[in-house]
Full PDB file with SEQRES, HELIX, SHEET, SSBOND, CRYST1, ORIGX, SCALE, CONECT and MASTER records, all heavy atoms in Angstrom:
SEQRES   1 A   37  GLU ARG PRO GLU LYS VAL ALA TYR LEU GLY PRO GLU GLY          
SEQRES   2 A   37  SER TYR THR HIS GLN ALA ALA GLU SER ARG PHE GLY GLY          
SEQRES   3 A   37  ILE SER ASP TYR LEU ALA VAL HIS SER ILE GLN                  
HELIX    1 AA1 TYR A   15  PHE A   24  1                                  10    
SHEET    1 AA1 2 LYS A   5  LEU A   9  0                                        
SHEET    2 AA1 2 ASP A  29  VAL A  33  1                                        
CRYST1    1.000    1.000    1.000  90.00  90.00  90.00 P 1           1          
ORIGX1      1.000000  0.000000  0.000000        0.00000                         
ORIGX2      0.000000  1.000000  0.000000        0.00000                         
ORIGX3      0.000000  0.000000  1.000000        0.00000                         
SCALE1      1.000000  0.000000  0.000000        0.00000                         
SCALE2      0.000000  1.000000  0.000000        0.00000                         
SCALE3      0.000000  0.000000  1.000000        0.00000                         
ATOM      1  N   GLU A   1      19.151  -3.263   3.131  1.00  0.00           N  
ATOM      2  CA  GLU A   1      20.291  -3.449   2.238  1.00  0.00           C  
ATOM      3  C   GLU A   1      21.258  -2.279   2.338  1.00  0.00           C  
ATOM      4  O   GLU A   1      22.458  -2.440   2.556  1.00  0.00           O  
ATOM      5  CB  GLU A   1      19.808  -3.573   0.788  1.00  0.00           C  
ATOM      6  CG  GLU A   1      19.136  -4.890   0.459  1.00  0.00           C  
ATOM      7  CD  GLU A   1      18.800  -4.960  -1.017  1.00  0.00           C  
ATOM      8  OE1 GLU A   1      19.722  -5.137  -1.827  1.00  0.00           O  
ATOM      9  OE2 GLU A   1      17.605  -4.834  -1.365  1.00  0.00           O  
ATOM     10  N   ARG A   2      20.707  -1.077   2.166  1.00  0.00           N  
ATOM     11  CA  ARG A   2      21.561   0.119   2.156  1.00  0.00           C  
ATOM     12  C   ARG A   2      20.656   1.349   2.275  1.00  0.00           C  
ATOM     13  O   ARG A   2      20.000   1.729   1.298  1.00  0.00           O  
ATOM     14  CB  ARG A   2      22.353   0.201   0.861  1.00  0.00           C  
ATOM     15  CG  ARG A   2      23.412   1.314   0.842  1.00  0.00           C  
ATOM     16  CD  ARG A   2      23.956   1.509  -0.551  1.00  0.00           C  
ATOM     17  NE  ARG A   2      24.477   0.291  -1.112  1.00  0.00           N  
ATOM     18  CZ  ARG A   2      24.566   0.036  -2.427  1.00  0.00           C  
ATOM     19  NH1 ARG A   2      24.141   0.935  -3.286  1.00  0.00           N  
ATOM     20  NH2 ARG A   2      25.048  -1.108  -2.858  1.00  0.00           N  
ATOM     21  N   PRO A   3      20.580   1.961   3.462  1.00  0.00           N  
ATOM     22  CA  PRO A   3      19.715   3.140   3.609  1.00  0.00           C  
ATOM     23  C   PRO A   3      20.131   4.235   2.629  1.00  0.00           C  
ATOM     24  O   PRO A   3      21.301   4.598   2.559  1.00  0.00           O  
ATOM     25  CB  PRO A   3      19.960   3.571   5.069  1.00  0.00           C  
ATOM     26  CG  PRO A   3      20.475   2.349   5.742  1.00  0.00           C  
ATOM     27  CD  PRO A   3      21.272   1.604   4.694  1.00  0.00           C  
ATOM     28  N   GLU A   4      19.163   4.734   1.866  1.00  0.00           N  
ATOM     29  CA  GLU A   4      19.465   5.754   0.869  1.00  0.00           C  
ATOM     30  C   GLU A   4      18.404   6.838   0.896  1.00  0.00           C  
ATOM     31  O   GLU A   4      17.218   6.557   1.094  1.00  0.00           O  
ATOM     32  CB  GLU A   4      19.573   5.115  -0.527  1.00  0.00           C  
ATOM     33  CG  GLU A   4      20.806   4.215  -0.653  1.00  0.00           C  
ATOM     34  CD  GLU A   4      20.875   3.471  -1.971  1.00  0.00           C  
ATOM     35  OE1 GLU A   4      19.806   3.170  -2.533  1.00  0.00           O  
ATOM     36  OE2 GLU A   4      21.986   3.196  -2.439  1.00  0.00           O  
ATOM     37  N   LYS A   5      18.824   8.065   0.691  1.00  0.00           N  
ATOM     38  CA  LYS A   5      17.936   9.218   0.806  1.00  0.00           C  
ATOM     39  C   LYS A   5      17.233   9.499  -0.521  1.00  0.00           C  
ATOM     40  O   LYS A   5      17.781   9.290  -1.598  1.00  0.00           O  
ATOM     41  CB  LYS A   5      18.751  10.440   1.234  1.00  0.00           C  
ATOM     42  CG  LYS A   5      17.925  11.596   1.770  1.00  0.00           C  
ATOM     43  CD  LYS A   5      18.818  12.740   2.218  1.00  0.00           C  
ATOM     44  CE  LYS A   5      19.613  12.388   3.453  1.00  0.00           C  
ATOM     45  NZ  LYS A   5      18.767  12.294   4.662  1.00  0.00           N  
ATOM     46  N   VAL A   6      15.992   9.972  -0.418  1.00  0.00           N  
ATOM     47  CA  VAL A   6      15.182  10.324  -1.580  1.00  0.00           C  
ATOM     48  C   VAL A   6      14.877  11.819  -1.528  1.00  0.00           C  
ATOM     49  O   VAL A   6      14.214  12.296  -0.599  1.00  0.00           O  
ATOM     50  CB  VAL A   6      13.856   9.531  -1.595  1.00  0.00           C  
ATOM     51  CG1 VAL A   6      13.034   9.892  -2.834  1.00  0.00           C  
ATOM     52  CG2 VAL A   6      14.115   8.027  -1.535  1.00  0.00           C  
ATOM     53  N   ALA A   7      15.369  12.571  -2.503  1.00  0.00           N  
ATOM     54  CA  ALA A   7      15.089  14.010  -2.589  1.00  0.00           C  
ATOM     55  C   ALA A   7      13.836  14.225  -3.426  1.00  0.00           C  
ATOM     56  O   ALA A   7      13.590  13.511  -4.395  1.00  0.00           O  
ATOM     57  CB  ALA A   7      16.274  14.740  -3.218  1.00  0.00           C  
ATOM     58  N   TYR A   8      13.048  15.211  -3.045  1.00  0.00           N  
ATOM     59  CA  TYR A   8      11.830  15.502  -3.808  1.00  0.00           C  
ATOM     60  C   TYR A   8      11.529  16.991  -3.730  1.00  0.00           C  
ATOM     61  O   TYR A   8      12.025  17.703  -2.848  1.00  0.00           O  
ATOM     62  CB  TYR A   8      10.641  14.687  -3.285  1.00  0.00           C  
ATOM     63  CG  TYR A   8      10.191  15.079  -1.888  1.00  0.00           C  
ATOM     64  CD1 TYR A   8       9.225  16.061  -1.689  1.00  0.00           C  
ATOM     65  CD2 TYR A   8      10.739  14.461  -0.760  1.00  0.00           C  
ATOM     66  CE1 TYR A   8       8.813  16.419  -0.422  1.00  0.00           C  
ATOM     67  CE2 TYR A   8      10.336  14.814   0.516  1.00  0.00           C  
ATOM     68  CZ  TYR A   8       9.368  15.792   0.680  1.00  0.00           C  
ATOM     69  OH  TYR A   8       8.970  16.148   1.943  1.00  0.00           O  
ATOM     70  N   LEU A   9      10.707  17.446  -4.673  1.00  0.00           N  
ATOM     71  CA  LEU A   9      10.282  18.843  -4.684  1.00  0.00           C  
ATOM     72  C   LEU A   9       9.298  19.046  -3.539  1.00  0.00           C  
ATOM     73  O   LEU A   9       8.175  18.568  -3.586  1.00  0.00           O  
ATOM     74  CB  LEU A   9       9.635  19.193  -6.027  1.00  0.00           C  
ATOM     75  CG  LEU A   9       9.063  20.601  -6.154  1.00  0.00           C  
ATOM     76  CD1 LEU A   9      10.166  21.646  -5.999  1.00  0.00           C  
ATOM     77  CD2 LEU A   9       8.357  20.769  -7.498  1.00  0.00           C  
ATOM     78  N   GLY A  10       9.762  19.744  -2.495  1.00  0.00           N  
ATOM     79  CA  GLY A  10       8.959  19.914  -1.302  1.00  0.00           C  
ATOM     80  C   GLY A  10       8.041  21.115  -1.399  1.00  0.00           C  
ATOM     81  O   GLY A  10       7.835  21.675  -2.478  1.00  0.00           O  
ATOM     82  N   PRO A  11       7.484  21.481  -0.237  1.00  0.00           N  
ATOM     83  CA  PRO A  11       7.755  20.930   1.092  1.00  0.00           C  
ATOM     84  C   PRO A  11       6.958  19.663   1.374  1.00  0.00           C  
ATOM     85  O   PRO A  11       6.293  19.126   0.488  1.00  0.00           O  
ATOM     86  CB  PRO A  11       7.323  22.072   2.020  1.00  0.00           C  
ATOM     87  CG  PRO A  11       6.211  22.733   1.274  1.00  0.00           C  
ATOM     88  CD  PRO A  11       6.612  22.668  -0.185  1.00  0.00           C  
ATOM     89  N   GLU A  12       7.026  19.209   2.628  1.00  0.00           N  
ATOM     90  CA  GLU A  12       6.271  18.040   3.041  1.00  0.00           C  
ATOM     91  C   GLU A  12       4.791  18.252   2.746  1.00  0.00           C  
ATOM     92  O   GLU A  12       4.237  19.320   2.994  1.00  0.00           O  
ATOM     93  CB  GLU A  12       6.466  17.813   4.549  1.00  0.00           C  
ATOM     94  CG  GLU A  12       5.783  16.564   5.079  1.00  0.00           C  
ATOM     95  CD  GLU A  12       5.932  16.422   6.576  1.00  0.00           C  
ATOM     96  OE1 GLU A  12       6.316  17.411   7.235  1.00  0.00           O  
ATOM     97  OE2 GLU A  12       5.670  15.326   7.092  1.00  0.00           O  
ATOM     98  N   GLY A  13       4.176  17.211   2.180  1.00  0.00           N  
ATOM     99  CA  GLY A  13       2.760  17.299   1.842  1.00  0.00           C  
ATOM    100  C   GLY A  13       2.500  17.690   0.402  1.00  0.00           C  
ATOM    101  O   GLY A  13       1.347  17.709  -0.041  1.00  0.00           O  
ATOM    102  N   SER A  14       3.551  18.013  -0.359  1.00  0.00           N  
ATOM    103  CA  SER A  14       3.369  18.348  -1.778  1.00  0.00           C  
ATOM    104  C   SER A  14       2.976  17.096  -2.551  1.00  0.00           C  
ATOM    105  O   SER A  14       3.136  15.963  -2.090  1.00  0.00           O  
ATOM    106  CB  SER A  14       4.659  18.930  -2.353  1.00  0.00           C  
ATOM    107  OG  SER A  14       5.681  17.933  -2.380  1.00  0.00           O  
ATOM    108  N   TYR A  15       2.458  17.303  -3.751  1.00  0.00           N  
ATOM    109  CA  TYR A  15       2.086  16.149  -4.582  1.00  0.00           C  
ATOM    110  C   TYR A  15       3.316  15.326  -4.938  1.00  0.00           C  
ATOM    111  O   TYR A  15       3.234  14.103  -5.060  1.00  0.00           O  
ATOM    112  CB  TYR A  15       1.374  16.632  -5.852  1.00  0.00           C  
ATOM    113  CG  TYR A  15      -0.006  17.191  -5.585  1.00  0.00           C  
ATOM    114  CD1 TYR A  15      -0.286  18.540  -5.794  1.00  0.00           C  
ATOM    115  CD2 TYR A  15      -1.027  16.375  -5.110  1.00  0.00           C  
ATOM    116  CE1 TYR A  15      -1.546  19.065  -5.540  1.00  0.00           C  
ATOM    117  CE2 TYR A  15      -2.286  16.892  -4.854  1.00  0.00           C  
ATOM    118  CZ  TYR A  15      -2.546  18.233  -5.070  1.00  0.00           C  
ATOM    119  OH  TYR A  15      -3.790  18.744  -4.807  1.00  0.00           O  
ATOM    120  N   THR A  16       4.449  15.992  -5.100  1.00  0.00           N  
ATOM    121  CA  THR A  16       5.673  15.243  -5.391  1.00  0.00           C  
ATOM    122  C   THR A  16       6.061  14.373  -4.203  1.00  0.00           C  
ATOM    123  O   THR A  16       6.554  13.250  -4.379  1.00  0.00           O  
ATOM    124  CB  THR A  16       6.823  16.206  -5.750  1.00  0.00           C  
ATOM    125  OG1 THR A  16       6.369  17.142  -6.727  1.00  0.00           O  
ATOM    126  CG2 THR A  16       8.008  15.435  -6.311  1.00  0.00           C  
ATOM    127  N   HIS A  17       5.842  14.859  -2.996  1.00  0.00           N  
ATOM    128  CA  HIS A  17       6.080  14.068  -1.790  1.00  0.00           C  
ATOM    129  C   HIS A  17       5.189  12.825  -1.799  1.00  0.00           C  
ATOM    130  O   HIS A  17       5.643  11.707  -1.521  1.00  0.00           O  
ATOM    131  CB  HIS A  17       5.799  14.918  -0.555  1.00  0.00           C  
ATOM    132  CG  HIS A  17       6.090  14.227   0.740  1.00  0.00           C  
ATOM    133  ND1 HIS A  17       5.608  14.669   1.950  1.00  0.00           N  
ATOM    134  CD2 HIS A  17       6.800  13.098   1.025  1.00  0.00           C  
ATOM    135  CE1 HIS A  17       6.015  13.861   2.915  1.00  0.00           C  
ATOM    136  NE2 HIS A  17       6.739  12.906   2.377  1.00  0.00           N  
ATOM    137  N   GLN A  18       3.926  13.002  -2.159  1.00  0.00           N  
ATOM    138  CA  GLN A  18       3.009  11.863  -2.238  1.00  0.00           C  
ATOM    139  C   GLN A  18       3.471  10.861  -3.292  1.00  0.00           C  
ATOM    140  O   GLN A  18       3.396   9.644  -3.085  1.00  0.00           O  
ATOM    141  CB  GLN A  18       1.596  12.343  -2.555  1.00  0.00           C  
ATOM    142  CG  GLN A  18       0.966  13.185  -1.458  1.00  0.00           C  
ATOM    143  CD  GLN A  18      -0.420  13.653  -1.826  1.00  0.00           C  
ATOM    144  OE1 GLN A  18      -1.299  12.853  -2.138  1.00  0.00           O  
ATOM    145  NE2 GLN A  18      -0.646  14.953  -1.789  1.00  0.00           N  
ATOM    146  N   ALA A  19       3.930  11.376  -4.430  1.00  0.00           N  
ATOM    147  CA  ALA A  19       4.416  10.488  -5.490  1.00  0.00           C  
ATOM    148  C   ALA A  19       5.633   9.706  -5.021  1.00  0.00           C  
ATOM    149  O   ALA A  19       5.769   8.510  -5.298  1.00  0.00           O  
ATOM    150  CB  ALA A  19       4.762  11.305  -6.742  1.00  0.00           C  
ATOM    151  N   ALA A  20       6.540  10.383  -4.293  1.00  0.00           N  
ATOM    152  CA  ALA A  20       7.738   9.708  -3.777  1.00  0.00           C  
ATOM    153  C   ALA A  20       7.356   8.595  -2.804  1.00  0.00           C  
ATOM    154  O   ALA A  20       7.861   7.469  -2.893  1.00  0.00           O  
ATOM    155  CB  ALA A  20       8.653  10.720  -3.098  1.00  0.00           C  
ATOM    156  N   GLU A  21       6.445   8.894  -1.891  1.00  0.00           N  
ATOM    157  CA  GLU A  21       6.038   7.883  -0.912  1.00  0.00           C  
ATOM    158  C   GLU A  21       5.302   6.725  -1.567  1.00  0.00           C  
ATOM    159  O   GLU A  21       5.353   5.597  -1.073  1.00  0.00           O  
ATOM    160  CB  GLU A  21       5.164   8.516   0.170  1.00  0.00           C  
ATOM    161  CG  GLU A  21       5.941   9.304   1.199  1.00  0.00           C  
ATOM    162  CD  GLU A  21       5.222   9.391   2.534  1.00  0.00           C  
ATOM    163  OE1 GLU A  21       4.039   8.995   2.607  1.00  0.00           O  
ATOM    164  OE2 GLU A  21       5.853   9.832   3.518  1.00  0.00           O  
ATOM    165  N   SER A  22       4.625   6.993  -2.684  1.00  0.00           N  
ATOM    166  CA  SER A  22       3.900   5.912  -3.354  1.00  0.00           C  
ATOM    167  C   SER A  22       4.842   4.859  -3.916  1.00  0.00           C  
ATOM    168  O   SER A  22       4.429   3.729  -4.173  1.00  0.00           O  
ATOM    169  CB  SER A  22       3.021   6.477  -4.475  1.00  0.00           C  
ATOM    170  OG  SER A  22       3.799   6.825  -5.623  1.00  0.00           O  
ATOM    171  N   ARG A  23       6.116   5.216  -4.114  1.00  0.00           N  
ATOM    172  CA  ARG A  23       7.079   4.259  -4.636  1.00  0.00           C  
ATOM    173  C   ARG A  23       8.136   3.838  -3.610  1.00  0.00           C  
ATOM    174  O   ARG A  23       8.605   2.717  -3.631  1.00  0.00           O  
ATOM    175  CB  ARG A  23       7.782   4.835  -5.876  1.00  0.00           C  
ATOM    176  CG  ARG A  23       6.934   4.729  -7.132  1.00  0.00           C  
ATOM    177  CD  ARG A  23       6.698   3.269  -7.513  1.00  0.00           C  
ATOM    178  NE  ARG A  23       5.624   3.121  -8.494  1.00  0.00           N  
ATOM    179  CZ  ARG A  23       4.363   2.865  -8.212  1.00  0.00           C  
ATOM    180  NH1 ARG A  23       3.969   2.746  -6.974  1.00  0.00           N  
ATOM    181  NH2 ARG A  23       3.473   2.718  -9.165  1.00  0.00           N  
ATOM    182  N   PHE A  24       8.480   4.730  -2.700  1.00  0.00           N  
ATOM    183  CA  PHE A  24       9.545   4.419  -1.743  1.00  0.00           C  
ATOM    184  C   PHE A  24       9.027   4.125  -0.337  1.00  0.00           C  
ATOM    185  O   PHE A  24       9.807   3.795   0.542  1.00  0.00           O  
ATOM    186  CB  PHE A  24      10.557   5.570  -1.693  1.00  0.00           C  
ATOM    187  CG  PHE A  24      11.364   5.705  -2.950  1.00  0.00           C  
ATOM    188  CD1 PHE A  24      11.006   6.609  -3.935  1.00  0.00           C  
ATOM    189  CD2 PHE A  24      12.475   4.907  -3.168  1.00  0.00           C  
ATOM    190  CE1 PHE A  24      11.747   6.743  -5.101  1.00  0.00           C  
ATOM    191  CE2 PHE A  24      13.232   5.021  -4.327  1.00  0.00           C  
ATOM    192  CZ  PHE A  24      12.860   5.939  -5.300  1.00  0.00           C  
ATOM    193  N   GLY A  25       7.699   4.246  -0.125  1.00  0.00           N  
ATOM    194  CA  GLY A  25       7.120   3.891   1.163  1.00  0.00           C  
ATOM    195  C   GLY A  25       7.351   4.936   2.232  1.00  0.00           C  
ATOM    196  O   GLY A  25       8.146   5.864   2.086  1.00  0.00           O  
ATOM    197  N   GLY A  26       6.636   4.771   3.352  1.00  0.00           N  
ATOM    198  CA  GLY A  26       6.707   5.750   4.425  1.00  0.00           C  
ATOM    199  C   GLY A  26       7.976   5.683   5.249  1.00  0.00           C  
ATOM    200  O   GLY A  26       8.315   6.627   5.949  1.00  0.00           O  
ATOM    201  N   ILE A  27       8.698   4.561   5.185  1.00  0.00           N  
ATOM    202  CA  ILE A  27       9.868   4.372   6.049  1.00  0.00           C  
ATOM    203  C   ILE A  27      11.144   4.981   5.485  1.00  0.00           C  
ATOM    204  O   ILE A  27      12.122   5.167   6.200  1.00  0.00           O  
ATOM    205  CB  ILE A  27      10.086   2.859   6.313  1.00  0.00           C  
ATOM    206  CG1 ILE A  27      11.040   2.659   7.504  1.00  0.00           C  
ATOM    207  CG2 ILE A  27      10.596   2.162   5.058  1.00  0.00           C  
ATOM    208  CD1 ILE A  27      11.194   1.219   7.914  1.00  0.00           C  
ATOM    209  N   SER A  28      11.151   5.314   4.205  1.00  0.00           N  
ATOM    210  CA  SER A  28      12.379   5.819   3.573  1.00  0.00           C  
ATOM    211  C   SER A  28      12.793   7.176   4.139  1.00  0.00           C  
ATOM    212  O   SER A  28      11.990   7.905   4.729  1.00  0.00           O  
ATOM    213  CB  SER A  28      12.189   5.916   2.059  1.00  0.00           C  
ATOM    214  OG  SER A  28      12.038   4.635   1.488  1.00  0.00           O  
ATOM    215  N   ASP A  29      14.046   7.518   3.920  1.00  0.00           N  
ATOM    216  CA  ASP A  29      14.615   8.775   4.400  1.00  0.00           C  
ATOM    217  C   ASP A  29      14.445   9.826   3.305  1.00  0.00           C  
ATOM    218  O   ASP A  29      15.049   9.724   2.236  1.00  0.00           O  
ATOM    219  CB  ASP A  29      16.097   8.566   4.729  1.00  0.00           C  
ATOM    220  CG  ASP A  29      16.723   9.773   5.393  1.00  0.00           C  
ATOM    221  OD1 ASP A  29      15.977  10.699   5.776  1.00  0.00           O  
ATOM    222  OD2 ASP A  29      17.963   9.795   5.531  1.00  0.00           O  
ATOM    223  N   TYR A  30      13.629  10.846   3.567  1.00  0.00           N  
ATOM    224  CA  TYR A  30      13.285  11.822   2.544  1.00  0.00           C  
ATOM    225  C   TYR A  30      13.966  13.158   2.789  1.00  0.00           C  
ATOM    226  O   TYR A  30      14.207  13.560   3.924  1.00  0.00           O  
ATOM    227  CB  TYR A  30      11.764  12.035   2.486  1.00  0.00           C  
ATOM    228  CG  TYR A  30      11.035  10.833   1.949  1.00  0.00           C  
ATOM    229  CD1 TYR A  30      10.397   9.935   2.811  1.00  0.00           C  
ATOM    230  CD2 TYR A  30      10.991  10.583   0.581  1.00  0.00           C  
ATOM    231  CE1 TYR A  30       9.735   8.830   2.319  1.00  0.00           C  
ATOM    232  CE2 TYR A  30      10.328   9.478   0.076  1.00  0.00           C  
ATOM    233  CZ  TYR A  30       9.704   8.603   0.947  1.00  0.00           C  
ATOM    234  OH  TYR A  30       9.061   7.505   0.458  1.00  0.00           O  
ATOM    235  N   LEU A  31      14.269  13.843   1.681  1.00  0.00           N  
ATOM    236  CA  LEU A  31      14.874  15.164   1.720  1.00  0.00           C  
ATOM    237  C   LEU A  31      14.029  16.110   0.870  1.00  0.00           C  
ATOM    238  O   LEU A  31      13.982  15.988  -0.355  1.00  0.00           O  
ATOM    239  CB  LEU A  31      16.307  15.114   1.171  1.00  0.00           C  
ATOM    240  CG  LEU A  31      17.023  16.452   0.987  1.00  0.00           C  
ATOM    241  CD1 LEU A  31      17.263  17.121   2.344  1.00  0.00           C  
ATOM    242  CD2 LEU A  31      18.347  16.247   0.241  1.00  0.00           C  
ATOM    243  N   ALA A  32      13.325  17.028   1.513  1.00  0.00           N  
ATOM    244  CA  ALA A  32      12.512  18.009   0.797  1.00  0.00           C  
ATOM    245  C   ALA A  32      13.388  19.185   0.400  1.00  0.00           C  
ATOM    246  O   ALA A  32      14.091  19.756   1.244  1.00  0.00           O  
ATOM    247  CB  ALA A  32      11.359  18.476   1.679  1.00  0.00           C  
ATOM    248  N   VAL A  33      13.367  19.554  -0.879  1.00  0.00           N  
ATOM    249  CA  VAL A  33      14.137  20.710  -1.349  1.00  0.00           C  
ATOM    250  C   VAL A  33      13.197  21.690  -2.042  1.00  0.00           C  
ATOM    251  O   VAL A  33      12.058  21.365  -2.369  1.00  0.00           O  
ATOM    252  CB  VAL A  33      15.286  20.280  -2.288  1.00  0.00           C  
ATOM    253  CG1 VAL A  33      16.290  19.430  -1.532  1.00  0.00           C  
ATOM    254  CG2 VAL A  33      14.760  19.522  -3.497  1.00  0.00           C  
ATOM    255  N   HIS A  34      13.681  22.900  -2.274  1.00  0.00           N  
ATOM    256  CA  HIS A  34      12.809  24.010  -2.652  1.00  0.00           C  
ATOM    257  C   HIS A  34      12.562  24.147  -4.146  1.00  0.00           C  
ATOM    258  O   HIS A  34      11.706  24.946  -4.552  1.00  0.00           O  
ATOM    259  CB  HIS A  34      13.390  25.320  -2.119  1.00  0.00           C  
ATOM    260  CG  HIS A  34      14.698  25.683  -2.769  1.00  0.00           C  
ATOM    261  ND1 HIS A  34      15.896  25.098  -2.414  1.00  0.00           N  
ATOM    262  CD2 HIS A  34      14.978  26.548  -3.781  1.00  0.00           C  
ATOM    263  CE1 HIS A  34      16.864  25.591  -3.159  1.00  0.00           C  
ATOM    264  NE2 HIS A  34      16.343  26.463  -3.997  1.00  0.00           N  
ATOM    265  N   SER A  35      13.280  23.431  -4.977  1.00  0.00           N  
ATOM    266  CA  SER A  35      13.109  23.596  -6.423  1.00  0.00           C  
ATOM    267  C   SER A  35      13.466  22.308  -7.157  1.00  0.00           C  
ATOM    268  O   SER A  35      14.144  21.428  -6.604  1.00  0.00           O  
ATOM    269  CB  SER A  35      13.992  24.736  -6.948  1.00  0.00           C  
ATOM    270  OG  SER A  35      15.371  24.371  -6.877  1.00  0.00           O  
ATOM    271  N   ILE A  36      13.025  22.225  -8.411  1.00  0.00           N  
ATOM    272  CA  ILE A  36      13.358  21.065  -9.243  1.00  0.00           C  
ATOM    273  C   ILE A  36      14.870  21.002  -9.462  1.00  0.00           C  
ATOM    274  O   ILE A  36      15.471  19.922  -9.405  1.00  0.00           O  
ATOM    275  CB  ILE A  36      12.595  21.134 -10.578  1.00  0.00           C  
ATOM    276  CG1 ILE A  36      11.093  20.930 -10.334  1.00  0.00           C  
ATOM    277  CG2 ILE A  36      13.122  20.095 -11.569  1.00  0.00           C  
ATOM    278  CD1 ILE A  36      10.234  21.138 -11.552  1.00  0.00           C  
ATOM    279  N   GLN A  37      15.478  22.154  -9.684  1.00  0.00           N  
ATOM    280  CA  GLN A  37      16.936  22.191  -9.866  1.00  0.00           C  
ATOM    281  C   GLN A  37      17.655  21.667  -8.629  1.00  0.00           C  
ATOM    282  O   GLN A  37      18.670  20.966  -8.728  1.00  0.00           O  
ATOM    283  CB  GLN A  37      17.390  23.617 -10.176  1.00  0.00           C  
ATOM    284  CG  GLN A  37      18.879  23.718 -10.463  1.00  0.00           C  
ATOM    285  CD  GLN A  37      19.293  25.109 -10.903  1.00  0.00           C  
ATOM    286  OE1 GLN A  37      18.487  26.035 -10.887  1.00  0.00           O  
ATOM    287  NE2 GLN A  37      20.539  25.267 -11.301  1.00  0.00           N  
TER     288      GLN A  37                                                      
MASTER        0    0    0    1    2    0    0    6  287    1    0    3          
END                                                                             
């Protein structure tokens, strides 16, 4: 429909990354950032 990026509290492999993938799947475009802000 419309490729959209998902930002999460990184880095790759963090629990937040796992939570993001649990809802947006492995195929989505992810952006790991260094802080909640």
